Amino acid sequence: MKNLLLIKLIFLLILISGCETINKKSEQIAKEENKKLSQFIGQPVSELKIVMGNPDSEGKSENGSKLLIYSTKKYGIKCERKFIIDNNEMVIGFTSKGCF
């Protein structure tokens, strides 16, 4: 009985440490993504288009700012990057969802 309990405890510890590793890796990937995309803040739209290419679509944000939307798919997971553009055609913000 004690051996069974010990085996369950060891299995639980391995499972928890595996989840911790996945969480750390996903945080690191998100950090790198934000660092990469933050280089465009304060840059003109032309610079964004030189590096990222033409957007897949354009739209308007809730406050009326222009959005340039870049969409890709990797391993069946949709990646969407949205860049917020002000009236002077400068990048003022971004969001990234599902990108790794």
N, C-alpha and C. Protein backbone atom coordinates (compact mmCIF):
# COMPACT_ATOMS: atom_id res chain seq x y z
N MET A 1 0.82 -1.19 0.00
CA MET A 1 0.00 0.00 0.00
C MET A 1 0.87 1.26 0.00
N LYS A 2 1.95 1.23 0.83
CA LYS A 2 2.85 2.38 0.88
C LYS A 2 3.58 2.56 -0.44
N ASN A 3 3.93 1.45 -1.08
CA ASN A 3 4.63 1.52 -2.37
C ASN A 3 3.74 2.15 -3.44
N LEU A 4 2.47 1.81 -3.43
CA LEU A 4 1.52 2.38 -4.38
C LEU A 4 1.37 3.88 -4.18
N LEU A 5 1.29 4.29 -2.92
CA LEU A 5 1.19 5.71 -2.59
C LEU A 5 2.46 6.44 -3.03
N LEU A 6 3.60 5.83 -2.81
CA LEU A 6 4.87 6.43 -3.21
C LEU A 6 4.96 6.57 -4.72
N ILE A 7 4.53 5.56 -5.45
CA ILE A 7 4.53 5.61 -6.92
C ILE A 7 3.60 6.72 -7.41
N LYS A 8 2.44 6.85 -6.83
CA LYS A 8 1.50 7.92 -7.21
C LYS A 8 2.09 9.29 -6.93
N LEU A 9 2.76 9.44 -5.81
CA LEU A 9 3.37 10.71 -5.45
C LEU A 9 4.48 11.08 -6.43
N ILE A 10 5.31 10.11 -6.78
CA ILE A 10 6.39 10.35 -7.74
C ILE A 10 5.81 10.74 -9.10
N PHE A 11 4.79 10.04 -9.55
CA PHE A 11 4.13 10.34 -10.82
C PHE A 11 3.56 11.75 -10.81
N LEU A 12 2.94 12.14 -9.70
CA LEU A 12 2.36 13.48 -9.58
C LEU A 12 3.45 14.55 -9.66
N LEU A 13 4.57 14.31 -9.01
CA LEU A 13 5.67 15.28 -9.05
C LEU A 13 6.23 15.42 -10.47
N ILE A 14 6.36 14.32 -11.18
CA ILE A 14 6.84 14.38 -12.57
C ILE A 14 5.85 15.15 -13.44
N LEU A 15 4.58 14.90 -13.25
CA LEU A 15 3.55 15.59 -14.02
C LEU A 15 3.57 17.09 -13.76
N ILE A 16 3.69 17.49 -12.51
CA ILE A 16 3.73 18.91 -12.15
C ILE A 16 4.96 19.58 -12.73
N SER A 17 6.12 18.92 -12.65
CA SER A 17 7.35 19.52 -13.17
C SER A 17 7.28 19.66 -14.69
N GLY A 18 6.62 18.72 -15.38
CA GLY A 18 6.44 18.81 -16.83
C GLY A 18 5.58 20.01 -17.20
N CYS A 19 4.52 20.25 -16.45
CA CYS A 19 3.66 21.41 -16.71
C CYS A 19 4.42 22.71 -16.47
N GLU A 20 5.26 22.72 -15.45
CA GLU A 20 6.07 23.89 -15.14
C GLU A 20 7.01 24.21 -16.31
N THR A 21 7.62 23.18 -16.89
CA THR A 21 8.53 23.36 -18.02
C THR A 21 7.81 23.93 -19.22
N ILE A 22 6.64 23.41 -19.53
CA ILE A 22 5.85 23.90 -20.65
C ILE A 22 5.46 25.36 -20.42
N ASN A 23 5.07 25.69 -19.20
CA ASN A 23 4.69 27.05 -18.86
C ASN A 23 5.88 28.00 -19.04
N LYS A 24 7.06 27.61 -18.60
CA LYS A 24 8.24 28.46 -18.74
C LYS A 24 8.59 28.67 -20.20
N LYS A 25 8.51 27.61 -21.00
CA LYS A 25 8.82 27.73 -22.43
C LYS A 25 7.83 28.64 -23.14
N SER A 26 6.54 28.52 -22.81
CA SER A 26 5.55 29.37 -23.46
C SER A 26 5.73 30.83 -23.06
N GLU A 27 6.10 31.08 -21.80
CA GLU A 27 6.38 32.44 -21.36
C GLU A 27 7.58 33.01 -22.09
N GLN A 28 8.60 32.20 -22.30
CA GLN A 28 9.80 32.65 -23.00
C GLN A 28 9.49 32.98 -24.46
N ILE A 29 8.68 32.15 -25.10
CA ILE A 29 8.30 32.39 -26.50
C ILE A 29 7.49 33.67 -26.61
N ALA A 30 6.56 33.89 -25.68
CA ALA A 30 5.75 35.11 -25.69
C ALA A 30 6.63 36.35 -25.47
N LYS A 31 7.61 36.23 -24.60
CA LYS A 31 8.52 37.34 -24.34
C LYS A 31 9.32 37.70 -25.60
N GLU A 32 9.82 36.66 -26.30
CA GLU A 32 10.58 36.89 -27.53
C GLU A 32 9.69 37.50 -28.61
N GLU A 33 8.44 37.04 -28.70
CA GLU A 33 7.49 37.58 -29.68
C GLU A 33 7.24 39.06 -29.41
N ASN A 34 7.02 39.42 -28.14
CA ASN A 34 6.78 40.81 -27.79
C ASN A 34 8.01 41.68 -28.06
N LYS A 35 9.19 41.14 -27.80
CA LYS A 35 10.42 41.89 -28.08
C LYS A 35 10.56 42.15 -29.58
N LYS A 36 10.28 41.12 -30.38
CA LYS A 36 10.39 41.23 -31.84
C LYS A 36 9.39 42.28 -32.38
N LEU A 37 8.15 42.22 -31.89
CA LEU A 37 7.13 43.12 -32.42
C LEU A 37 7.23 44.53 -31.86
N SER A 38 7.77 44.68 -30.67
CA SER A 38 7.87 46.02 -30.08
C SER A 38 8.87 46.90 -30.81
N GLN A 39 9.75 46.30 -31.63
CA GLN A 39 10.69 47.10 -32.41
C GLN A 39 9.97 48.00 -33.42
N PHE A 40 8.72 47.67 -33.74
CA PHE A 40 7.97 48.46 -34.72
C PHE A 40 7.26 49.66 -34.10
N ILE A 41 7.14 49.72 -32.77
CA ILE A 41 6.48 50.84 -32.12
C ILE A 41 7.24 52.11 -32.44
N GLY A 42 6.53 53.12 -32.88
CA GLY A 42 7.14 54.40 -33.24
C GLY A 42 7.71 54.45 -34.64
N GLN A 43 7.61 53.35 -35.37
CA GLN A 43 8.12 53.28 -36.74
C GLN A 43 6.99 53.55 -37.73
N PRO A 44 7.31 54.04 -38.91
CA PRO A 44 6.27 54.25 -39.92
C PRO A 44 5.76 52.91 -40.47
N VAL A 45 4.55 52.93 -40.99
CA VAL A 45 3.93 51.74 -41.57
C VAL A 45 4.80 51.16 -42.68
N SER A 46 5.47 52.01 -43.42
CA SER A 46 6.32 51.52 -44.51
C SER A 46 7.40 50.59 -43.99
N GLU A 47 7.97 50.89 -42.84
CA GLU A 47 9.00 50.02 -42.24
C GLU A 47 8.40 48.67 -41.84
N LEU A 48 7.21 48.70 -41.26
CA LEU A 48 6.51 47.47 -40.90
C LEU A 48 6.27 46.60 -42.13
N LYS A 49 5.84 47.22 -43.22
CA LYS A 49 5.55 46.47 -44.44
C LYS A 49 6.81 45.92 -45.11
N ILE A 50 7.93 46.61 -44.94
CA ILE A 50 9.19 46.11 -45.49
C ILE A 50 9.56 44.80 -44.81
N VAL A 51 9.41 44.75 -43.50
CA VAL A 51 9.81 43.56 -42.73
C VAL A 51 8.73 42.48 -42.76
N MET A 52 7.48 42.85 -42.56
CA MET A 52 6.40 41.86 -42.42
C MET A 52 5.66 41.58 -43.73
N GLY A 53 5.86 42.44 -44.72
CA GLY A 53 5.12 42.29 -45.97
C GLY A 53 3.77 42.99 -45.88
N ASN A 54 2.96 42.83 -46.91
CA ASN A 54 1.64 43.43 -46.90
C ASN A 54 0.74 42.66 -45.94
N PRO A 55 -0.14 43.37 -45.23
CA PRO A 55 -1.02 42.68 -44.28
C PRO A 55 -2.04 41.81 -45.00
N ASP A 56 -2.53 40.80 -44.29
CA ASP A 56 -3.56 39.93 -44.84
C ASP A 56 -4.92 40.63 -44.88
N SER A 57 -5.13 41.56 -43.93
CA SER A 57 -6.36 42.35 -43.93
C SER A 57 -6.13 43.63 -43.13
N GLU A 58 -7.07 44.54 -43.29
CA GLU A 58 -7.03 45.81 -42.55
C GLU A 58 -8.38 45.99 -41.88
N GLY A 59 -8.38 46.76 -40.81
CA GLY A 59 -9.63 47.02 -40.11
C GLY A 59 -9.52 48.28 -39.28
N LYS A 60 -10.50 48.48 -38.44
CA LYS A 60 -10.55 49.63 -37.52
C LYS A 60 -10.67 49.11 -36.10
N SER A 61 -9.95 49.74 -35.18
CA SER A 61 -10.06 49.37 -33.77
C SER A 61 -11.30 50.03 -33.18
N GLU A 62 -11.57 49.74 -31.92
CA GLU A 62 -12.74 50.30 -31.25
C GLU A 62 -12.69 51.83 -31.18
N ASN A 63 -11.47 52.37 -31.06
CA ASN A 63 -11.34 53.83 -30.97
C ASN A 63 -11.15 54.49 -32.33
N GLY A 64 -11.25 53.71 -33.41
CA GLY A 64 -11.18 54.27 -34.76
C GLY A 64 -9.81 54.24 -35.40
N SER A 65 -8.81 53.72 -34.69
CA SER A 65 -7.47 53.62 -35.27
C SER A 65 -7.45 52.52 -36.32
N LYS A 66 -6.54 52.66 -37.26
CA LYS A 66 -6.37 51.67 -38.32
C LYS A 66 -5.65 50.44 -37.77
N LEU A 67 -6.05 49.25 -38.19
CA LEU A 67 -5.41 48.00 -37.81
C LEU A 67 -4.86 47.31 -39.05
N LEU A 68 -3.63 46.85 -38.98
CA LEU A 68 -3.07 45.99 -40.01
C LEU A 68 -2.97 44.60 -39.40
N ILE A 69 -3.56 43.61 -40.05
CA ILE A 69 -3.67 42.27 -39.48
C ILE A 69 -2.89 41.28 -40.33
N TYR A 70 -1.98 40.56 -39.67
CA TYR A 70 -1.18 39.53 -40.30
C TYR A 70 -1.60 38.18 -39.70
N SER A 71 -2.01 37.26 -40.55
CA SER A 71 -2.46 35.95 -40.09
C SER A 71 -1.64 34.84 -40.74
N THR A 72 -1.27 33.87 -39.92
CA THR A 72 -0.58 32.67 -40.42
C THR A 72 -1.15 31.47 -39.67
N LYS A 73 -0.77 30.29 -40.12
CA LYS A 73 -1.20 29.07 -39.46
C LYS A 73 0.01 28.14 -39.36
N LYS A 74 0.27 27.63 -38.16
CA LYS A 74 1.39 26.72 -37.94
C LYS A 74 0.88 25.55 -37.10
N TYR A 75 1.10 24.35 -37.60
CA TYR A 75 0.62 23.14 -36.92
C TYR A 75 -0.87 23.18 -36.63
N GLY A 76 -1.63 23.83 -37.51
CA GLY A 76 -3.07 23.93 -37.34
C GLY A 76 -3.52 24.99 -36.35
N ILE A 77 -2.59 25.77 -35.81
CA ILE A 77 -2.92 26.82 -34.84
C ILE A 77 -2.81 28.17 -35.54
N LYS A 78 -3.87 28.96 -35.46
CA LYS A 78 -3.91 30.27 -36.12
C LYS A 78 -3.12 31.29 -35.30
N CYS A 79 -2.24 31.99 -35.97
CA CYS A 79 -1.45 33.07 -35.38
C CYS A 79 -1.96 34.38 -35.97
N GLU A 80 -2.28 35.33 -35.11
CA GLU A 80 -2.78 36.62 -35.59
C GLU A 80 -2.04 37.75 -34.89
N ARG A 81 -1.41 38.60 -35.70
CA ARG A 81 -0.72 39.78 -35.19
C ARG A 81 -1.44 41.02 -35.71
N LYS A 82 -1.84 41.90 -34.79
CA LYS A 82 -2.52 43.14 -35.17
C LYS A 82 -1.66 44.32 -34.75
N PHE A 83 -1.45 45.22 -35.70
CA PHE A 83 -0.68 46.43 -35.43
C PHE A 83 -1.63 47.62 -35.49
N ILE A 84 -1.56 48.48 -34.47
CA ILE A 84 -2.41 49.66 -34.39
C ILE A 84 -1.64 50.83 -35.00
N ILE A 85 -2.30 51.51 -35.93
CA ILE A 85 -1.68 52.61 -36.68
C ILE A 85 -2.42 53.91 -36.38
N ASP A 86 -1.66 54.99 -36.10
CA ASP A 86 -2.30 56.28 -35.83
C ASP A 86 -2.54 57.05 -37.13
N ASN A 87 -3.05 58.26 -37.01
CA ASN A 87 -3.38 59.08 -38.18
C ASN A 87 -2.15 59.51 -38.98
N ASN A 88 -0.98 59.48 -38.35
CA ASN A 88 0.27 59.86 -39.02
C ASN A 88 0.95 58.67 -39.67
N GLU A 89 0.23 57.53 -39.77
CA GLU A 89 0.76 56.30 -40.36
C GLU A 89 1.97 55.76 -39.59
N MET A 90 1.92 55.88 -38.25
CA MET A 90 2.97 55.36 -37.37
C MET A 90 2.38 54.22 -36.55
N VAL A 91 3.18 53.21 -36.28
CA VAL A 91 2.75 52.08 -35.45
C VAL A 91 2.76 52.53 -33.99
N ILE A 92 1.63 52.38 -33.31
CA ILE A 92 1.54 52.81 -31.92
C ILE A 92 1.27 51.65 -30.95
N GLY A 93 1.01 50.46 -31.48
CA GLY A 93 0.76 49.31 -30.61
C GLY A 93 0.58 48.04 -31.41
N PHE A 94 0.48 46.93 -30.70
CA PHE A 94 0.28 45.64 -31.36
C PHE A 94 -0.33 44.66 -30.38
N THR A 95 -0.93 43.61 -30.93
CA THR A 95 -1.35 42.44 -30.16
C THR A 95 -0.93 41.21 -30.93
N SER A 96 -0.70 40.15 -30.22
CA SER A 96 -0.28 38.89 -30.83
C SER A 96 -1.03 37.77 -30.14
N LYS A 97 -1.63 36.89 -30.92
CA LYS A 97 -2.42 35.81 -30.34
C LYS A 97 -2.13 34.50 -31.09
N GLY A 98 -1.75 33.48 -30.34
CA GLY A 98 -1.53 32.16 -30.92
C GLY A 98 -0.22 31.99 -31.67
N CYS A 99 0.70 32.92 -31.52
CA CYS A 99 1.96 32.87 -32.28
C CYS A 99 3.06 32.26 -31.42
N PHE A 100 3.82 31.37 -32.02
CA PHE A 100 4.96 30.77 -31.34
C PHE A 100 6.05 30.45 -32.32
